[in-house]
Amino acid sequence: LLAVMDSVGLTTYQFEPATEPSAKRAGPQMR
């Protein structure tokens, strides 16, 4: 997960998981 700090607090992000390794995908995918 990603934590991002700013001047007034903290935001955390959970990204959708890959369904298969990148090596098996046709190309990079934006999550």
PDB file of all heavy atoms in Angstrom:
ATOM      1  N   LEU A   1       0.849  -1.175   0.000  1.00  0.00           N
ATOM      2  CA  LEU A   1       0.000   0.000   0.000  1.00  0.00           C
ATOM      3  C   LEU A   1       0.889   1.231   0.000  1.00  0.00           C
ATOM      4  O   LEU A   1       2.047   1.181   0.396  1.00  0.00           O
ATOM      5  CB  LEU A   1      -0.946   0.013   1.200  1.00  0.00           C
ATOM      6  CG  LEU A   1      -2.210  -0.840   1.016  1.00  0.00           C
ATOM      7  CD1 LEU A   1      -1.928  -2.300   1.273  1.00  0.00           C
ATOM      8  CD2 LEU A   1      -3.317  -0.353   1.944  1.00  0.00           C
ATOM      9  N   LEU A   2       0.321   2.318  -0.455  1.00  0.00           N
ATOM     10  CA  LEU A   2       1.074   3.558  -0.600  1.00  0.00           C
ATOM     11  C   LEU A   2       0.557   4.589   0.397  1.00  0.00           C
ATOM     12  O   LEU A   2      -0.653   4.830   0.480  1.00  0.00           O
ATOM     13  CB  LEU A   2       0.924   4.091  -2.025  1.00  0.00           C
ATOM     14  CG  LEU A   2       1.496   5.477  -2.310  1.00  0.00           C
ATOM     15  CD1 LEU A   2       3.005   5.498  -2.100  1.00  0.00           C
ATOM     16  CD2 LEU A   2       1.141   5.913  -3.734  1.00  0.00           C
ATOM     17  N   ALA A   3       1.467   5.185   1.142  1.00  0.00           N
ATOM     18  CA  ALA A   3       1.128   6.270   2.060  1.00  0.00           C
ATOM     19  C   ALA A   3       1.695   7.571   1.514  1.00  0.00           C
ATOM     20  O   ALA A   3       2.874   7.634   1.156  1.00  0.00           O
ATOM     21  CB  ALA A   3       1.695   6.000   3.448  1.00  0.00           C
ATOM     22  N   VAL A   4       0.861   8.580   1.439  1.00  0.00           N
ATOM     23  CA  VAL A   4       1.260   9.894   0.923  1.00  0.00           C
ATOM     24  C   VAL A   4       0.978  10.938   1.991  1.00  0.00           C
ATOM     25  O   VAL A   4      -0.164  11.089   2.437  1.00  0.00           O
ATOM     26  CB  VAL A   4       0.494  10.243  -0.367  1.00  0.00           C
ATOM     27  CG1 VAL A   4       0.930  11.620  -0.881  1.00  0.00           C
ATOM     28  CG2 VAL A   4       0.726   9.175  -1.436  1.00  0.00           C
ATOM     29  N   MET A   5       2.009  11.663   2.386  1.00  0.00           N
ATOM     30  CA  MET A   5       1.859  12.702   3.384  1.00  0.00           C
ATOM     31  C   MET A   5       1.710  14.058   2.708  1.00  0.00           C
ATOM     32  O   MET A   5       2.316  14.319   1.657  1.00  0.00           O
ATOM     33  CB  MET A   5       3.080  12.728   4.308  1.00  0.00           C
ATOM     34  CG  MET A   5       2.918  13.650   5.514  1.00  0.00           C
ATOM     35  SD  MET A   5       1.742  13.000   6.720  1.00  0.00           S
ATOM     36  CE  MET A   5       2.705  11.621   7.362  1.00  0.00           C
ATOM     37  N   ASP A   6       0.890  14.915   3.302  1.00  0.00           N
ATOM     38  CA  ASP A   6       0.844  16.309   2.900  1.00  0.00           C
ATOM     39  C   ASP A   6       0.865  17.158   4.161  1.00  0.00           C
ATOM     40  O   ASP A   6       1.160  16.660   5.249  1.00  0.00           O
ATOM     41  CB  ASP A   6      -0.376  16.601   2.011  1.00  0.00           C
ATOM     42  CG  ASP A   6      -1.700  16.251   2.682  1.00  0.00           C
ATOM     43  OD1 ASP A   6      -1.800  16.417   3.921  1.00  0.00           O
ATOM     44  OD2 ASP A   6      -2.633  15.826   1.985  1.00  0.00           O
ATOM     45  N   SER A   7       0.548  18.430   4.043  1.00  0.00           N
ATOM     46  CA  SER A   7       0.696  19.317   5.187  1.00  0.00           C
ATOM     47  C   SER A   7      -0.376  19.137   6.242  1.00  0.00           C
ATOM     48  O   SER A   7      -0.251  19.666   7.350  1.00  0.00           O
ATOM     49  CB  SER A   7       0.701  20.772   4.720  1.00  0.00           C
ATOM     50  OG  SER A   7      -0.544  21.119   4.127  1.00  0.00           O
ATOM     51  N   VAL A   8      -1.424  18.396   5.929  1.00  0.00           N
ATOM     52  CA  VAL A   8      -2.516  18.279   6.889  1.00  0.00           C
ATOM     53  C   VAL A   8      -2.924  16.843   7.199  1.00  0.00           C
ATOM     54  O   VAL A   8      -3.915  16.620   7.882  1.00  0.00           O
ATOM     55  CB  VAL A   8      -3.771  19.057   6.400  1.00  0.00           C
ATOM     56  CG1 VAL A   8      -3.507  20.535   6.416  1.00  0.00           C
ATOM     57  CG2 VAL A   8      -4.199  18.585   5.023  1.00  0.00           C
ATOM     58  N   GLY A   9      -2.200  15.857   6.744  1.00  0.00           N
ATOM     59  CA  GLY A   9      -2.577  14.504   7.079  1.00  0.00           C
ATOM     60  C   GLY A   9      -1.934  13.469   6.177  1.00  0.00           C
ATOM     61  O   GLY A   9      -0.929  13.721   5.513  1.00  0.00           O
ATOM     62  N   LEU A  10      -2.531  12.298   6.153  1.00  0.00           N
ATOM     63  CA  LEU A  10      -1.983  11.141   5.472  1.00  0.00           C
ATOM     64  C   LEU A  10      -3.071  10.463   4.660  1.00  0.00           C
ATOM     65  O   LEU A  10      -4.193  10.272   5.138  1.00  0.00           O
ATOM     66  CB  LEU A  10      -1.429  10.154   6.513  1.00  0.00           C
ATOM     67  CG  LEU A  10      -0.756   8.883   6.015  1.00  0.00           C
ATOM     68  CD1 LEU A  10       0.601   9.217   5.410  1.00  0.00           C
ATOM     69  CD2 LEU A  10      -0.565   7.916   7.169  1.00  0.00           C
ATOM     70  N   THR A  11      -2.756  10.108   3.427  1.00  0.00           N
ATOM     71  CA  THR A  11      -3.679   9.354   2.579  1.00  0.00           C
ATOM     72  C   THR A  11      -3.021   8.035   2.199  1.00  0.00           C
ATOM     73  O   THR A  11      -1.844   8.019   1.812  1.00  0.00           O
ATOM     74  CB  THR A  11      -4.038  10.128   1.307  1.00  0.00           C
ATOM     75  OG1 THR A  11      -4.556  11.412   1.660  1.00  0.00           O
ATOM     76  CG2 THR A  11      -5.073   9.391   0.485  1.00  0.00           C
ATOM     77  N   THR A  12      -3.754   6.933   2.325  1.00  0.00           N
ATOM     78  CA  THR A  12      -3.224   5.635   1.921  1.00  0.00           C
ATOM     79  C   THR A  12      -4.044   5.086   0.766  1.00  0.00           C
ATOM     80  O   THR A  12      -5.260   5.269   0.700  1.00  0.00           O
ATOM     81  CB  THR A  12      -3.258   4.642   3.087  1.00  0.00           C
ATOM     82  OG1 THR A  12      -4.595   4.503   3.557  1.00  0.00           O
ATOM     83  CG2 THR A  12      -2.361   5.110   4.218  1.00  0.00           C
ATOM     84  N   TYR A  13      -3.342   4.397  -0.134  1.00  0.00           N
ATOM     85  CA  TYR A  13      -3.968   3.841  -1.323  1.00  0.00           C
ATOM     86  C   TYR A  13      -3.669   2.358  -1.426  1.00  0.00           C
ATOM     87  O   TYR A  13      -2.531   1.920  -1.237  1.00  0.00           O
ATOM     88  CB  TYR A  13      -3.427   4.518  -2.588  1.00  0.00           C
ATOM     89  CG  TYR A  13      -3.734   5.985  -2.696  1.00  0.00           C
ATOM     90  CD1 TYR A  13      -2.883   6.928  -2.129  1.00  0.00           C
ATOM     91  CD2 TYR A  13      -4.857   6.444  -3.378  1.00  0.00           C
ATOM     92  CE1 TYR A  13      -3.142   8.287  -2.235  1.00  0.00           C
ATOM     93  CE2 TYR A  13      -5.123   7.798  -3.501  1.00  0.00           C
ATOM     94  CZ  TYR A  13      -4.266   8.708  -2.918  1.00  0.00           C
ATOM     95  OH  TYR A  13      -4.531  10.053  -3.026  1.00  0.00           O
ATOM     96  N   GLN A  14      -4.708   1.587  -1.745  1.00  0.00           N
ATOM     97  CA  GLN A  14      -4.548   0.187  -2.108  1.00  0.00           C
ATOM     98  C   GLN A  14      -4.917   0.052  -3.575  1.00  0.00           C
ATOM     99  O   GLN A  14      -5.995   0.454  -3.997  1.00  0.00           O
ATOM    100  CB  GLN A  14      -5.451  -0.708  -1.268  1.00  0.00           C
ATOM    101  CG  GLN A  14      -5.365  -2.180  -1.652  1.00  0.00           C
ATOM    102  CD  GLN A  14      -6.296  -3.049  -0.832  1.00  0.00           C
ATOM    103  OE1 GLN A  14      -6.636  -2.713   0.302  1.00  0.00           O
ATOM    104  NE2 GLN A  14      -6.708  -4.167  -1.400  1.00  0.00           N
ATOM    105  N   PHE A  15      -3.999  -0.515  -4.367  1.00  0.00           N
ATOM    106  CA  PHE A  15      -4.230  -0.660  -5.806  1.00  0.00           C
ATOM    107  C   PHE A  15      -4.758  -2.051  -6.121  1.00  0.00           C
ATOM    108  O   PHE A  15      -4.506  -3.017  -5.388  1.00  0.00           O
ATOM    109  CB  PHE A  15      -2.937  -0.398  -6.576  1.00  0.00           C
ATOM    110  CG  PHE A  15      -2.520   1.037  -6.579  1.00  0.00           C
ATOM    111  CD1 PHE A  15      -1.796   1.561  -5.522  1.00  0.00           C
ATOM    112  CD2 PHE A  15      -2.853   1.876  -7.630  1.00  0.00           C
ATOM    113  CE1 PHE A  15      -1.411   2.894  -5.508  1.00  0.00           C
ATOM    114  CE2 PHE A  15      -2.482   3.209  -7.633  1.00  0.00           C
ATOM    115  CZ  PHE A  15      -1.754   3.721  -6.562  1.00  0.00           C
ATOM    116  N   GLU A  16      -5.470  -2.132  -7.221  1.00  0.00           N
ATOM    117  CA  GLU A  16      -5.989  -3.429  -7.631  1.00  0.00           C
ATOM    118  C   GLU A  16      -4.828  -4.367  -7.925  1.00  0.00           C
ATOM    119  O   GLU A  16      -3.836  -3.980  -8.539  1.00  0.00           O
ATOM    120  CB  GLU A  16      -6.879  -3.281  -8.868  1.00  0.00           C
ATOM    121  CG  GLU A  16      -6.195  -2.687 -10.090  1.00  0.00           C
ATOM    122  CD  GLU A  16      -7.155  -2.574 -11.264  1.00  0.00           C
ATOM    123  OE1 GLU A  16      -8.202  -3.209 -11.223  1.00  0.00           O
ATOM    124  OE2 GLU A  16      -6.828  -1.852 -12.220  1.00  0.00           O
ATOM    125  N   PRO A  17      -4.906  -5.610  -7.468  1.00  0.00           N
ATOM    126  CA  PRO A  17      -3.792  -6.542  -7.667  1.00  0.00           C
ATOM    127  C   PRO A  17      -3.730  -7.048  -9.095  1.00  0.00           C
ATOM    128  O   PRO A  17      -4.736  -7.096  -9.811  1.00  0.00           O
ATOM    129  CB  PRO A  17      -4.121  -7.678  -6.697  1.00  0.00           C
ATOM    130  CG  PRO A  17      -5.616  -7.657  -6.590  1.00  0.00           C
ATOM    131  CD  PRO A  17      -5.994  -6.199  -6.676  1.00  0.00           C
ATOM    132  N   ALA A  18      -2.526  -7.414  -9.498  1.00  0.00           N
ATOM    133  CA  ALA A  18      -2.353  -8.022 -10.810  1.00  0.00           C
ATOM    134  C   ALA A  18      -2.939  -9.430 -10.793  1.00  0.00           C
ATOM    135  O   ALA A  18      -2.781 -10.170  -9.823  1.00  0.00           O
ATOM    136  CB  ALA A  18      -0.870  -8.082 -11.162  1.00  0.00           C
ATOM    137  N   THR A  19      -3.609  -9.795 -11.852  1.00  0.00           N
ATOM    138  CA  THR A  19      -4.186 -11.138 -11.938  1.00  0.00           C
ATOM    139  C   THR A  19      -3.179 -12.145 -12.468  1.00  0.00           C
ATOM    140  O   THR A  19      -3.381 -13.337 -12.359  1.00  0.00           O
ATOM    141  CB  THR A  19      -5.419 -11.134 -12.848  1.00  0.00           C
ATOM    142  OG1 THR A  19      -5.055 -10.612 -14.141  1.00  0.00           O
ATOM    143  CG2 THR A  19      -6.500 -10.253 -12.241  1.00  0.00           C
ATOM    144  N   GLU A  20      -2.104 -11.645 -13.043  1.00  0.00           N
ATOM    145  CA  GLU A  20      -1.030 -12.507 -13.524  1.00  0.00           C
ATOM    146  C   GLU A  20       0.245 -11.692 -13.543  1.00  0.00           C
ATOM    147  O   GLU A  20       0.216 -10.463 -13.561  1.00  0.00           O
ATOM    148  CB  GLU A  20      -1.333 -13.041 -14.930  1.00  0.00           C
ATOM    149  CG  GLU A  20      -1.574 -11.949 -15.955  1.00  0.00           C
ATOM    150  CD  GLU A  20      -2.001 -12.506 -17.300  1.00  0.00           C
ATOM    151  OE1 GLU A  20      -2.262 -13.725 -17.386  1.00  0.00           O
ATOM    152  OE2 GLU A  20      -2.064 -11.733 -18.249  1.00  0.00           O
ATOM    153  N   PRO A  21       1.410 -12.356 -13.511  1.00  0.00           N
ATOM    154  CA  PRO A  21       2.671 -11.613 -13.506  1.00  0.00           C
ATOM    155  C   PRO A  21       2.803 -10.726 -14.738  1.00  0.00           C
ATOM    156  O   PRO A  21       2.275 -11.032 -15.803  1.00  0.00           O
ATOM    157  CB  PRO A  21       3.731 -12.729 -13.503  1.00  0.00           C
ATOM    158  CG  PRO A  21       3.025 -13.927 -12.962  1.00  0.00           C
ATOM    159  CD  PRO A  21       1.609 -13.806 -13.428  1.00  0.00           C
ATOM    160  N   SER A  22       3.548  -9.643 -14.585  1.00  0.00           N
ATOM    161  CA  SER A  22       3.751  -8.730 -15.710  1.00  0.00           C
ATOM    162  C   SER A  22       4.370  -9.433 -16.909  1.00  0.00           C
ATOM    163  O   SER A  22       4.103  -9.097 -18.054  1.00  0.00           O
ATOM    164  CB  SER A  22       4.649  -7.560 -15.283  1.00  0.00           C
ATOM    165  OG  SER A  22       3.950  -6.695 -14.435  1.00  0.00           O
ATOM    166  N   ALA A  23       5.211 -10.433 -16.629  1.00  0.00           N
ATOM    167  CA  ALA A  23       5.889 -11.130 -17.723  1.00  0.00           C
ATOM    168  C   ALA A  23       4.909 -11.827 -18.654  1.00  0.00           C
ATOM    169  O   ALA A  23       5.217 -12.084 -19.816  1.00  0.00           O
ATOM    170  CB  ALA A  23       6.868 -12.156 -17.145  1.00  0.00           C
ATOM    171  N   LYS A  24       3.695 -12.126 -18.162  1.00  0.00           N
ATOM    172  CA  LYS A  24       2.721 -12.828 -18.995  1.00  0.00           C
ATOM    173  C   LYS A  24       1.721 -11.880 -19.649  1.00  0.00           C
ATOM    174  O   LYS A  24       0.846 -12.321 -20.388  1.00  0.00           O
ATOM    175  CB  LYS A  24       1.983 -13.863 -18.136  1.00  0.00           C
ATOM    176  CG  LYS A  24       2.887 -14.988 -17.612  1.00  0.00           C
ATOM    177  CD  LYS A  24       2.091 -15.991 -16.813  1.00  0.00           C
ATOM    178  CE  LYS A  24       2.982 -17.123 -16.314  1.00  0.00           C
ATOM    179  NZ  LYS A  24       2.219 -18.118 -15.528  1.00  0.00           N
ATOM    180  N   ARG A  25       1.827 -10.603 -19.323  1.00  0.00           N
ATOM    181  CA  ARG A  25       0.899  -9.648 -19.898  1.00  0.00           C
ATOM    182  C   ARG A  25       1.461  -9.088 -21.194  1.00  0.00           C
ATOM    183  O   ARG A  25       2.673  -9.056 -21.417  1.00  0.00           O
ATOM    184  CB  ARG A  25       0.612  -8.512 -18.911  1.00  0.00           C
ATOM    185  CG  ARG A  25      -0.031  -8.988 -17.615  1.00  0.00           C
ATOM    186  CD  ARG A  25      -0.746  -7.854 -16.915  1.00  0.00           C
ATOM    187  NE  ARG A  25       0.136  -6.774 -16.548  1.00  0.00           N
ATOM    188  CZ  ARG A  25       0.672  -6.614 -15.343  1.00  0.00           C
ATOM    189  NH1 ARG A  25       0.429  -7.507 -14.411  1.00  0.00           N
ATOM    190  NH2 ARG A  25       1.427  -5.583 -15.075  1.00  0.00           N
ATOM    191  N   ALA A  26       0.572  -8.624 -22.041  1.00  0.00           N
ATOM    192  CA  ALA A  26       1.006  -8.065 -23.320  1.00  0.00           C
ATOM    193  C   ALA A  26       1.829  -6.802 -23.129  1.00  0.00           C
ATOM    194  O   ALA A  26       2.706  -6.492 -23.914  1.00  0.00           O
ATOM    195  CB  ALA A  26      -0.210  -7.763 -24.196  1.00  0.00           C
ATOM    196  N   GLY A  27       1.571  -6.064 -22.071  1.00  0.00           N
ATOM    197  CA  GLY A  27       2.307  -4.837 -21.803  1.00  0.00           C
ATOM    198  C   GLY A  27       1.936  -4.307 -20.440  1.00  0.00           C
ATOM    199  O   GLY A  27       1.089  -4.873 -19.742  1.00  0.00           O
ATOM    200  N   PRO A  28       2.585  -3.243 -20.021  1.00  0.00           N
ATOM    201  CA  PRO A  28       2.277  -2.680 -18.712  1.00  0.00           C
ATOM    202  C   PRO A  28       0.849  -2.181 -18.645  1.00  0.00           C
ATOM    203  O   PRO A  28       0.281  -1.730 -19.637  1.00  0.00           O
ATOM    204  CB  PRO A  28       3.287  -1.527 -18.597  1.00  0.00           C
ATOM    205  CG  PRO A  28       3.614  -1.173 -20.011  1.00  0.00           C
ATOM    206  CD  PRO A  28       3.572  -2.447 -20.766  1.00  0.00           C
ATOM    207  N   GLN A  29       0.278  -2.308 -17.474  1.00  0.00           N
ATOM    208  CA  GLN A  29      -1.097  -1.871 -17.277  1.00  0.00           C
ATOM    209  C   GLN A  29      -1.171  -0.858 -16.148  1.00  0.00           C
ATOM    210  O   GLN A  29      -0.483  -0.990 -15.142  1.00  0.00           O
ATOM    211  CB  GLN A  29      -1.995  -3.072 -16.935  1.00  0.00           C
ATOM    212  CG  GLN A  29      -2.052  -4.120 -18.031  1.00  0.00           C
ATOM    213  CD  GLN A  29      -2.899  -5.308 -17.627  1.00  0.00           C
ATOM    214  OE1 GLN A  29      -3.551  -5.284 -16.599  1.00  0.00           O
ATOM    215  NE2 GLN A  29      -2.878  -6.359 -18.442  1.00  0.00           N
ATOM    216  N   MET A  30      -1.983   0.155 -16.349  1.00  0.00           N
ATOM    217  CA  MET A  30      -2.192   1.133 -15.308  1.00  0.00           C
ATOM    218  C   MET A  30      -3.158   0.551 -14.278  1.00  0.00           C
ATOM    219  O   MET A  30      -4.208   0.033 -14.630  1.00  0.00           O
ATOM    220  CB  MET A  30      -2.753   2.425 -15.902  1.00  0.00           C
ATOM    221  CG  MET A  30      -2.955   3.538 -14.883  1.00  0.00           C
ATOM    222  SD  MET A  30      -3.288   5.137 -15.653  1.00  0.00           S
ATOM    223  CE  MET A  30      -4.833   4.771 -16.494  1.00  0.00           C
ATOM    224  N   ARG A  31      -2.777   0.620 -13.014  1.00  0.00           N
ATOM    225  CA  ARG A  31      -3.585   0.071 -11.934  1.00  0.00           C
ATOM    226  C   ARG A  31      -4.281   1.215 -11.210  1.00  0.00           C
ATOM    227  O   ARG A  31      -3.646   2.186 -10.824  1.00  0.00           O
ATOM    228  CB  ARG A  31      -2.698  -0.695 -10.959  1.00  0.00           C
ATOM    229  CG  ARG A  31      -2.045  -1.920 -11.577  1.00  0.00           C
ATOM    230  CD  ARG A  31      -3.072  -2.999 -11.824  1.00  0.00           C
ATOM    231  NE  ARG A  31      -2.467  -4.152 -12.502  1.00  0.00           N
ATOM    232  CZ  ARG A  31      -3.153  -5.173 -12.942  1.00  0.00           C
ATOM    233  NH1 ARG A  31      -4.461  -5.211 -12.789  1.00  0.00           N
ATOM    234  NH2 ARG A  31      -2.555  -6.166 -13.549  1.00  0.00           N
TER     235      ARG A  31
END
